[in-house]
């Protein structure tokens, strides 16, 4: 994807996400079961946590600096290590869950929107010639700067389960009609 396509893909992701959020009321967001024991709010927090990492990478690229370290404790490993270890990913995901599960829902939702705005701004600041170039930034360890991982994380890893959960939420309402 070139820069224009990445911006369009991010705009679509944000619109799709807002459409999902519009289907879930506050009570549903707090009910466990949207993803295992997690409530929908926990999915919001999870996706926001990983998007914050994407924001850090794009902001660093925009300023030609290395990204800040991840927000999770270093004992959980780096983002690169998590890509090679399901155990590391599970530990980071659990850390996101524990960190945010007692936060007010309004704060979790506001942070999600803020992270989208930051990602959009950072992407727009990155030079087009810095995108999709393997090895362009040493701190990416040979990987190109792209949104594909973030898009895949939502559309492949979570959207199908979210859509199934939303369908289940609508079933009781349909039976009452």
C-alpha atoms as a PDB file:
ATOM      1  CA  UNK A   1       0.000   0.000   0.000  1.00  0.00           C
ATOM      2  CA  UNK A   2       1.222   3.487  -0.763  1.00  0.00           C
ATOM      3  CA  UNK A   3       0.625   6.380   1.651  1.00  0.00           C
ATOM      4  CA  UNK A   4      -2.704   7.386   0.110  1.00  0.00           C
ATOM      5  CA  UNK A   5      -3.919   3.795   0.320  1.00  0.00           C
ATOM      6  CA  UNK A   6      -2.729   3.518   3.932  1.00  0.00           C
ATOM      7  CA  UNK A   7      -4.607   6.675   4.885  1.00  0.00           C
ATOM      8  CA  UNK A   8      -7.729   5.331   3.167  1.00  0.00           C
ATOM      9  CA  UNK A   9      -7.311   1.948   4.908  1.00  0.00           C
ATOM     10  CA  UNK A  10      -6.928   3.664   8.291  1.00  0.00           C
ATOM     11  CA  UNK A  11     -10.008   5.798   7.597  1.00  0.00           C
ATOM     12  CA  UNK A  12     -11.931   2.613   6.720  1.00  0.00           C
ATOM     13  CA  UNK A  13     -10.704   0.826   9.832  1.00  0.00           C
ATOM     14  CA  UNK A  14     -11.790   3.749  11.982  1.00  0.00           C
ATOM     15  CA  UNK A  15     -15.207   3.908  10.287  1.00  0.00           C
ATOM     16  CA  UNK A  16     -15.672   0.141  10.669  1.00  0.00           C
ATOM     17  CA  UNK A  17     -14.672   0.367  14.330  1.00  0.00           C
ATOM     18  CA  UNK A  18     -17.068   3.244  14.982  1.00  0.00           C
ATOM     19  CA  UNK A  19     -19.852   1.245  13.302  1.00  0.00           C
ATOM     20  CA  UNK A  20     -19.148  -1.657  15.671  1.00  0.00           C
ATOM     21  CA  UNK A  21     -19.084   0.638  18.703  1.00  0.00           C
ATOM     22  CA  UNK A  22     -22.446   2.083  17.663  1.00  0.00           C
ATOM     23  CA  UNK A  23     -23.965  -1.406  17.956  1.00  0.00           C
ATOM     24  CA  UNK A  24     -22.839  -2.004  21.534  1.00  0.00           C
ATOM     25  CA  UNK A  25     -24.513  -0.209  24.415  1.00  0.00           C
ATOM     26  CA  UNK A  26     -22.755   0.585  27.692  1.00  0.00           C
ATOM     27  CA  UNK A  27     -24.273  -2.387  29.525  1.00  0.00           C
ATOM     28  CA  UNK A  28     -23.174  -4.814  26.795  1.00  0.00           C
ATOM     29  CA  UNK A  29     -19.665  -3.354  26.878  1.00  0.00           C
ATOM     30  CA  UNK A  30     -19.345  -4.371  30.524  1.00  0.00           C
ATOM     31  CA  UNK A  31     -20.692  -7.938  30.226  1.00  0.00           C
ATOM     32  CA  UNK A  32     -18.113 -10.742  30.213  1.00  0.00           C
ATOM     33  CA  UNK A  33     -18.207 -13.117  27.274  1.00  0.00           C
ATOM     34  CA  UNK A  34     -17.368 -10.976  24.266  1.00  0.00           C
ATOM     35  CA  UNK A  35     -14.046 -12.799  23.966  1.00  0.00           C
ATOM     36  CA  UNK A  36     -13.745 -15.584  26.490  1.00  0.00           C
ATOM     37  CA  UNK A  37     -13.941 -13.984  29.932  1.00  0.00           C
ATOM     38  CA  UNK A  38     -13.305 -10.537  28.473  1.00  0.00           C
ATOM     39  CA  UNK A  39     -16.052  -7.975  28.159  1.00  0.00           C
ATOM     40  CA  UNK A  40     -16.277  -5.893  24.994  1.00  0.00           C
ATOM     41  CA  UNK A  41     -14.569  -3.005  26.832  1.00  0.00           C
ATOM     42  CA  UNK A  42     -11.580  -5.319  27.324  1.00  0.00           C
ATOM     43  CA  UNK A  43     -11.384  -5.860  23.569  1.00  0.00           C
ATOM     44  CA  UNK A  44     -11.440  -2.083  23.099  1.00  0.00           C
ATOM     45  CA  UNK A  45      -8.583  -1.774  25.577  1.00  0.00           C
ATOM     46  CA  UNK A  46      -6.655  -4.622  23.967  1.00  0.00           C
ATOM     47  CA  UNK A  47      -6.902  -3.152  20.474  1.00  0.00           C
ATOM     48  CA  UNK A  48      -6.038   0.301  21.784  1.00  0.00           C
ATOM     49  CA  UNK A  49      -2.979  -1.053  23.593  1.00  0.00           C
ATOM     50  CA  UNK A  50      -1.586  -2.621  20.439  1.00  0.00           C
ATOM     51  CA  UNK A  51      -2.536   0.448  18.348  1.00  0.00           C
ATOM     52  CA  UNK A  52      -0.584   2.611  20.796  1.00  0.00           C
ATOM     53  CA  UNK A  53       2.462   0.574  19.843  1.00  0.00           C
ATOM     54  CA  UNK A  54       1.732   1.238  16.160  1.00  0.00           C
ATOM     55  CA  UNK A  55       1.351   4.942  16.939  1.00  0.00           C
ATOM     56  CA  UNK A  56       4.739   4.976  18.679  1.00  0.00           C
ATOM     57  CA  UNK A  57       6.352   3.425  15.601  1.00  0.00           C
ATOM     58  CA  UNK A  58       4.722   5.850  13.161  1.00  0.00           C
ATOM     59  CA  UNK A  59       5.429   8.870  15.357  1.00  0.00           C
ATOM     60  CA  UNK A  60       9.070   7.811  15.598  1.00  0.00           C
ATOM     61  CA  UNK A  61       9.277   7.399  11.827  1.00  0.00           C
ATOM     62  CA  UNK A  62       7.700  10.820  11.320  1.00  0.00           C
ATOM     63  CA  UNK A  63      10.425  12.369  13.483  1.00  0.00           C
ATOM     64  CA  UNK A  64      13.211  10.031  12.324  1.00  0.00           C
ATOM     65  CA  UNK A  65      13.850   8.807  15.861  1.00  0.00           C
ATOM     66  CA  UNK A  66      13.568   5.437  17.555  1.00  0.00           C
ATOM     67  CA  UNK A  67      10.197   4.710  19.195  1.00  0.00           C
ATOM     68  CA  UNK A  68       9.741   4.908  22.937  1.00  0.00           C
ATOM     69  CA  UNK A  69       9.880   1.516  24.661  1.00  0.00           C
ATOM     70  CA  UNK A  70       6.594  -0.342  24.925  1.00  0.00           C
ATOM     71  CA  UNK A  71       4.382   0.586  27.849  1.00  0.00           C
ATOM     72  CA  UNK A  72       4.243  -2.942  29.233  1.00  0.00           C
ATOM     73  CA  UNK A  73       6.882  -4.106  31.723  1.00  0.00           C
ATOM     74  CA  UNK A  74      10.151  -5.177  30.112  1.00  0.00           C
ATOM     75  CA  UNK A  75       9.856  -8.580  31.808  1.00  0.00           C
ATOM     76  CA  UNK A  76       7.059  -9.351  29.311  1.00  0.00           C
ATOM     77  CA  UNK A  77       9.476  -8.941  26.425  1.00  0.00           C
ATOM     78  CA  UNK A  78       9.701  -6.713  23.416  1.00  0.00           C
ATOM     79  CA  UNK A  79       7.240  -6.414  20.583  1.00  0.00           C
ATOM     80  CA  UNK A  80       9.670  -8.353  18.383  1.00  0.00           C
ATOM     81  CA  UNK A  81       9.826 -11.183  20.925  1.00  0.00           C
ATOM     82  CA  UNK A  82       6.044 -11.271  21.092  1.00  0.00           C
ATOM     83  CA  UNK A  83       5.896 -11.901  17.348  1.00  0.00           C
ATOM     84  CA  UNK A  84       7.825 -15.118  17.925  1.00  0.00           C
ATOM     85  CA  UNK A  85       6.132 -16.316  21.107  1.00  0.00           C
ATOM     86  CA  UNK A  86       2.466 -16.913  21.788  1.00  0.00           C
ATOM     87  CA  UNK A  87       3.356 -16.985  25.486  1.00  0.00           C
ATOM     88  CA  UNK A  88       4.781 -13.444  25.262  1.00  0.00           C
ATOM     89  CA  UNK A  89       1.689 -12.218  23.393  1.00  0.00           C
ATOM     90  CA  UNK A  90      -0.561 -13.774  26.047  1.00  0.00           C
ATOM     91  CA  UNK A  91       1.434 -12.078  28.802  1.00  0.00           C
ATOM     92  CA  UNK A  92       1.183  -8.691  27.112  1.00  0.00           C
ATOM     93  CA  UNK A  93      -2.521  -9.164  26.424  1.00  0.00           C
ATOM     94  CA  UNK A  94      -3.104 -10.080  30.063  1.00  0.00           C
ATOM     95  CA  UNK A  95      -1.173  -6.989  31.132  1.00  0.00           C
ATOM     96  CA  UNK A  96      -3.457  -4.801  28.937  1.00  0.00           C
ATOM     97  CA  UNK A  97      -6.478  -6.494  30.510  1.00  0.00           C
ATOM     98  CA  UNK A  98      -5.303  -6.008  34.088  1.00  0.00           C
ATOM     99  CA  UNK A  99      -4.181  -2.425  33.476  1.00  0.00           C
ATOM    100  CA  UNK A 100      -7.498  -1.225  32.089  1.00  0.00           C
ATOM    101  CA  UNK A 101     -10.253  -3.438  33.444  1.00  0.00           C
ATOM    102  CA  UNK A 102     -11.086  -1.082  36.329  1.00  0.00           C
ATOM    103  CA  UNK A 103     -10.841   2.116  34.291  1.00  0.00           C
ATOM    104  CA  UNK A 104     -14.111   3.910  33.570  1.00  0.00           C
ATOM    105  CA  UNK A 105     -15.629   2.831  30.273  1.00  0.00           C
ATOM    106  CA  UNK A 106     -15.746   6.439  29.063  1.00  0.00           C
ATOM    107  CA  UNK A 107     -11.968   6.698  29.546  1.00  0.00           C
ATOM    108  CA  UNK A 108     -11.336   3.460  27.649  1.00  0.00           C
ATOM    109  CA  UNK A 109     -13.475   4.636  24.726  1.00  0.00           C
ATOM    110  CA  UNK A 110     -11.950   8.132  24.726  1.00  0.00           C
ATOM    111  CA  UNK A 111      -8.443   6.685  24.643  1.00  0.00           C
ATOM    112  CA  UNK A 112      -9.398   4.454  21.717  1.00  0.00           C
ATOM    113  CA  UNK A 113     -10.532   7.483  19.722  1.00  0.00           C
ATOM    114  CA  UNK A 114      -7.482   9.517  20.755  1.00  0.00           C
ATOM    115  CA  UNK A 115      -5.166   6.735  19.565  1.00  0.00           C
ATOM    116  CA  UNK A 116      -6.900   6.670  16.182  1.00  0.00           C
ATOM    117  CA  UNK A 117      -6.400  10.446  15.869  1.00  0.00           C
ATOM    118  CA  UNK A 118      -2.717  10.151  16.808  1.00  0.00           C
ATOM    119  CA  UNK A 119      -2.170   7.323  14.334  1.00  0.00           C
ATOM    120  CA  UNK A 120      -3.823   9.319  11.562  1.00  0.00           C
ATOM    121  CA  UNK A 121      -1.672  12.370  12.334  1.00  0.00           C
ATOM    122  CA  UNK A 122       1.534  10.321  12.511  1.00  0.00           C
ATOM    123  CA  UNK A 123       0.802   8.488   9.270  1.00  0.00           C
ATOM    124  CA  UNK A 124       0.177  11.783   7.504  1.00  0.00           C
ATOM    125  CA  UNK A 125       3.514  13.126   8.810  1.00  0.00           C
ATOM    126  CA  UNK A 126       5.593  10.162   7.606  1.00  0.00           C
ATOM    127  CA  UNK A 127       7.293  10.729   4.285  1.00  0.00           C
ATOM    128  CA  UNK A 128       5.785   8.535   1.562  1.00  0.00           C
ATOM    129  CA  UNK A 129       9.234   7.293   0.575  1.00  0.00           C
ATOM    130  CA  UNK A 130       9.754   5.936   4.115  1.00  0.00           C
ATOM    131  CA  UNK A 131       6.799   3.556   3.866  1.00  0.00           C
ATOM    132  CA  UNK A 132       7.101  -0.069   2.757  1.00  0.00           C
ATOM    133  CA  UNK A 133      10.898   0.020   2.599  1.00  0.00           C
ATOM    134  CA  UNK A 134      12.502  -2.937   4.354  1.00  0.00           C
ATOM    135  CA  UNK A 135      15.451  -1.753   6.423  1.00  0.00           C
ATOM    136  CA  UNK A 136      14.584   1.959   6.181  1.00  0.00           C
ATOM    137  CA  UNK A 137      14.537   2.281   9.979  1.00  0.00           C
ATOM    138  CA  UNK A 138      17.146   0.233  11.820  1.00  0.00           C
ATOM    139  CA  UNK A 139      14.883  -0.125  14.852  1.00  0.00           C
ATOM    140  CA  UNK A 140      12.345  -2.012  12.706  1.00  0.00           C
ATOM    141  CA  UNK A 141      15.001  -4.726  12.315  1.00  0.00           C
ATOM    142  CA  UNK A 142      14.545  -5.153   8.581  1.00  0.00           C
ATOM    143  CA  UNK A 143      10.762  -4.849   8.536  1.00  0.00           C
ATOM    144  CA  UNK A 144       9.088  -2.151   6.439  1.00  0.00           C
ATOM    145  CA  UNK A 145       6.954   0.589   7.963  1.00  0.00           C
ATOM    146  CA  UNK A 146       3.381  -0.360   7.129  1.00  0.00           C
ATOM    147  CA  UNK A 147      -0.104  -0.541   8.628  1.00  0.00           C
ATOM    148  CA  UNK A 148      -0.709  -4.088   7.442  1.00  0.00           C
ATOM    149  CA  UNK A 149      -0.087  -5.700  10.845  1.00  0.00           C
ATOM    150  CA  UNK A 150      -2.507  -3.347  12.561  1.00  0.00           C
ATOM    151  CA  UNK A 151      -5.161  -3.889   9.907  1.00  0.00           C
ATOM    152  CA  UNK A 152      -4.710  -7.652  10.069  1.00  0.00           C
ATOM    153  CA  UNK A 153      -4.889  -7.605  13.859  1.00  0.00           C
ATOM    154  CA  UNK A 154      -8.390  -6.177  13.686  1.00  0.00           C
ATOM    155  CA  UNK A 155      -9.837  -7.628  10.487  1.00  0.00           C
ATOM    156  CA  UNK A 156      -8.392 -11.146  10.785  1.00  0.00           C
ATOM    157  CA  UNK A 157      -7.830 -11.705  14.489  1.00  0.00           C
ATOM    158  CA  UNK A 158     -10.856  -9.929  15.965  1.00  0.00           C
ATOM    159  CA  UNK A 159     -13.526  -8.692  13.535  1.00  0.00           C
ATOM    160  CA  UNK A 160     -14.997 -12.151  12.781  1.00  0.00           C
ATOM    161  CA  UNK A 161     -15.362 -12.939  16.505  1.00  0.00           C
ATOM    162  CA  UNK A 162     -16.773  -9.486  17.205  1.00  0.00           C
ATOM    163  CA  UNK A 163     -19.339  -9.892  14.420  1.00  0.00           C
ATOM    164  CA  UNK A 164     -20.337 -13.315  15.776  1.00  0.00           C
ATOM    165  CA  UNK A 165     -20.676 -11.854  19.280  1.00  0.00           C
ATOM    166  CA  UNK A 166     -22.791  -8.965  17.940  1.00  0.00           C
ATOM    167  CA  UNK A 167     -25.061 -11.476  16.173  1.00  0.00           C
ATOM    168  CA  UNK A 168     -25.473 -13.372  19.462  1.00  0.00           C
ATOM    169  CA  UNK A 169     -26.364 -10.112  21.193  1.00  0.00           C
ATOM    170  CA  UNK A 170     -29.097  -9.468  18.644  1.00  0.00           C
ATOM    171  CA  UNK A 171     -30.652 -12.953  18.960  1.00  0.00           C
ATOM    172  CA  UNK A 172     -32.419 -12.334  22.302  1.00  0.00           C
ATOM    173  CA  UNK A 173     -33.824  -9.077  20.948  1.00  0.00           C
ATOM    174  CA  UNK A 174     -35.106 -10.836  17.808  1.00  0.00           C
ATOM    175  CA  UNK A 175     -36.823 -13.533  19.911  1.00  0.00           C
ATOM    176  CA  UNK A 176     -38.632 -10.883  21.962  1.00  0.00           C
ATOM    177  CA  UNK A 177     -40.050  -9.220  18.839  1.00  0.00           C
END
